[in-house]
Amino acid sequence: MHSKTKQTLIQNPEVDEMIDKAFASLDPAVVQKLTGNLHRYFHDNYTRISIAEIDAQIATGKDIPAWDPGNRRHDDNYNDLIRQR
């Protein structure tokens, strides 16, 4: 979505600034805030409209090892479960 990219949908210096700051920051809180602001901007301005969502169901139980599905991109850290077994 940065205006310097070839496939951008928008030309907005404010968005470019948020993206640049998010990529430059080493503070997770700052990155999280800026990423949230970007997603809100895209949603509120209809910049990106989802055509579908994938439902990921996660089962838990006493015999399933400790697992945090939110740690990895796309929540795909199933190999960690296999390694723990």
C-alpha atoms as a PDB file:
ATOM      1  CA  MET A   1       0.000   0.000   0.000  1.00  0.00           C
ATOM      2  CA  HIS A   2       3.021   2.302   0.024  1.00  0.00           C
ATOM      3  CA  SER A   3       2.737   4.800  -2.826  1.00  0.00           C
ATOM      4  CA  LYS A   4       6.227   3.846  -4.062  1.00  0.00           C
ATOM      5  CA  THR A   5       5.213   0.244  -4.772  1.00  0.00           C
ATOM      6  CA  LYS A   6       4.116  -0.806  -8.248  1.00  0.00           C
ATOM      7  CA  GLN A   7       0.820  -2.395  -7.230  1.00  0.00           C
ATOM      8  CA  THR A   8      -0.436   0.220  -4.782  1.00  0.00           C
ATOM      9  CA  LEU A   9      -4.100   1.106  -4.657  1.00  0.00           C
ATOM     10  CA  ILE A  10      -3.674   4.511  -3.038  1.00  0.00           C
ATOM     11  CA  GLN A  11      -1.388   7.526  -3.032  1.00  0.00           C
ATOM     12  CA  ASN A  12      -1.461   8.899   0.491  1.00  0.00           C
ATOM     13  CA  PRO A  13       1.564  10.487   2.245  1.00  0.00           C
ATOM     14  CA  GLU A  14      -0.045   9.864   5.643  1.00  0.00           C
ATOM     15  CA  VAL A  15      -0.240   6.120   4.945  1.00  0.00           C
ATOM     16  CA  ASP A  16       3.326   6.129   3.605  1.00  0.00           C
ATOM     17  CA  GLU A  17       4.497   7.774   6.818  1.00  0.00           C
ATOM     18  CA  MET A  18       2.733   5.175   9.002  1.00  0.00           C
ATOM     19  CA  ILE A  19       4.222   2.341   6.947  1.00  0.00           C
ATOM     20  CA  ASP A  20       7.726   3.847   7.099  1.00  0.00           C
ATOM     21  CA  LYS A  21       7.494   4.351  10.871  1.00  0.00           C
ATOM     22  CA  ALA A  22       6.175   0.811  11.433  1.00  0.00           C
ATOM     23  CA  PHE A  23       9.030  -0.709   9.413  1.00  0.00           C
ATOM     24  CA  ALA A  24      11.637   1.476  11.152  1.00  0.00           C
ATOM     25  CA  SER A  25      10.459   0.916  14.715  1.00  0.00           C
ATOM     26  CA  LEU A  26      11.886  -1.718  17.038  1.00  0.00           C
ATOM     27  CA  ASP A  27       9.199  -1.101  19.659  1.00  0.00           C
ATOM     28  CA  PRO A  28       6.451  -3.762  19.378  1.00  0.00           C
ATOM     29  CA  ALA A  29       3.879  -1.406  20.922  1.00  0.00           C
ATOM     30  CA  VAL A  30       4.555   1.274  18.300  1.00  0.00           C
ATOM     31  CA  VAL A  31       4.417  -1.279  15.467  1.00  0.00           C
ATOM     32  CA  GLN A  32       1.147  -2.703  16.820  1.00  0.00           C
ATOM     33  CA  LYS A  33      -0.425   0.752  17.095  1.00  0.00           C
ATOM     34  CA  LEU A  34       0.649   1.813  13.599  1.00  0.00           C
ATOM     35  CA  THR A  35      -0.430  -1.492  12.058  1.00  0.00           C
ATOM     36  CA  GLY A  36      -3.815  -1.152  13.744  1.00  0.00           C
ATOM     37  CA  ASN A  37      -4.154   2.412  12.447  1.00  0.00           C
ATOM     38  CA  LEU A  38      -3.297   1.242   8.926  1.00  0.00           C
ATOM     39  CA  HIS A  39      -5.861  -1.560   9.011  1.00  0.00           C
ATOM     40  CA  ARG A  40      -8.498   0.850  10.326  1.00  0.00           C
ATOM     41  CA  TYR A  41      -7.674   3.332   7.560  1.00  0.00           C
ATOM     42  CA  PHE A  42      -7.912   0.629   4.876  1.00  0.00           C
ATOM     43  CA  HIS A  43     -11.209  -0.627   6.297  1.00  0.00           C
ATOM     44  CA  ASP A  44     -12.780   2.791   6.826  1.00  0.00           C
ATOM     45  CA  ASN A  45     -11.807   3.996   3.346  1.00  0.00           C
ATOM     46  CA  TYR A  46     -12.716   0.759   1.559  1.00  0.00           C
ATOM     47  CA  THR A  47      -9.146   0.394   0.356  1.00  0.00           C
ATOM     48  CA  ARG A  48      -9.174  -3.366   0.783  1.00  0.00           C
ATOM     49  CA  ILE A  49     -12.365  -5.340   0.761  1.00  0.00           C
ATOM     50  CA  SER A  50     -12.171  -9.018   1.655  1.00  0.00           C
ATOM     51  CA  ILE A  51     -13.919 -11.346  -0.732  1.00  0.00           C
ATOM     52  CA  ALA A  52     -13.673 -14.296   1.644  1.00  0.00           C
ATOM     53  CA  GLU A  53     -12.496 -15.310   5.081  1.00  0.00           C
ATOM     54  CA  ILE A  54     -11.047 -18.640   6.124  1.00  0.00           C
ATOM     55  CA  ASP A  55     -12.468 -20.106   9.306  1.00  0.00           C
ATOM     56  CA  ALA A  56      -9.702 -21.668  11.382  1.00  0.00           C
ATOM     57  CA  GLN A  57     -11.106 -23.850  14.129  1.00  0.00           C
ATOM     58  CA  ILE A  58      -8.789 -24.808  16.964  1.00  0.00           C
ATOM     59  CA  ALA A  59      -9.516 -27.662  19.356  1.00  0.00           C
ATOM     60  CA  THR A  60      -7.955 -27.784  22.797  1.00  0.00           C
ATOM     61  CA  GLY A  61      -7.918 -30.341  25.565  1.00  0.00           C
ATOM     62  CA  LYS A  62      -5.897 -31.599  28.487  1.00  0.00           C
ATOM     63  CA  ASP A  63      -3.883 -33.961  26.287  1.00  0.00           C
ATOM     64  CA  ILE A  64      -2.892 -31.229  23.782  1.00  0.00           C
ATOM     65  CA  PRO A  65       0.480 -29.652  24.670  1.00  0.00           C
ATOM     66  CA  ALA A  66       0.890 -25.943  25.373  1.00  0.00           C
ATOM     67  CA  TRP A  67       0.326 -24.008  22.180  1.00  0.00           C
ATOM     68  CA  ASP A  68      -0.233 -20.370  21.370  1.00  0.00           C
ATOM     69  CA  PRO A  69      -1.738 -20.161  17.876  1.00  0.00           C
ATOM     70  CA  GLY A  70      -1.234 -16.395  17.768  1.00  0.00           C
ATOM     71  CA  ASN A  71       2.575 -16.449  17.800  1.00  0.00           C
ATOM     72  CA  ARG A  72       3.180 -17.132  14.138  1.00  0.00           C
ATOM     73  CA  ARG A  73       2.049 -15.602  10.874  1.00  0.00           C
ATOM     74  CA  HIS A  74      -1.328 -16.968   9.789  1.00  0.00           C
ATOM     75  CA  ASP A  75      -1.445 -18.960  13.046  1.00  0.00           C
ATOM     76  CA  ASP A  76       0.181 -21.920  11.284  1.00  0.00           C
ATOM     77  CA  ASN A  77       2.499 -23.336  13.905  1.00  0.00           C
ATOM     78  CA  TYR A  78       1.176 -26.890  13.843  1.00  0.00           C
ATOM     79  CA  ASN A  79       4.702 -28.307  13.580  1.00  0.00           C
ATOM     80  CA  ASP A  80       5.340 -27.110  17.144  1.00  0.00           C
ATOM     81  CA  LEU A  81       2.527 -29.382  18.311  1.00  0.00           C
ATOM     82  CA  ILE A  82       3.977 -32.314  16.407  1.00  0.00           C
ATOM     83  CA  ARG A  83       7.466 -31.711  17.852  1.00  0.00           C
ATOM     84  CA  GLN A  84       6.068 -31.572  21.412  1.00  0.00           C
ATOM     85  CA  ARG A  85       4.486 -35.005  20.995  1.00  0.00           C
END
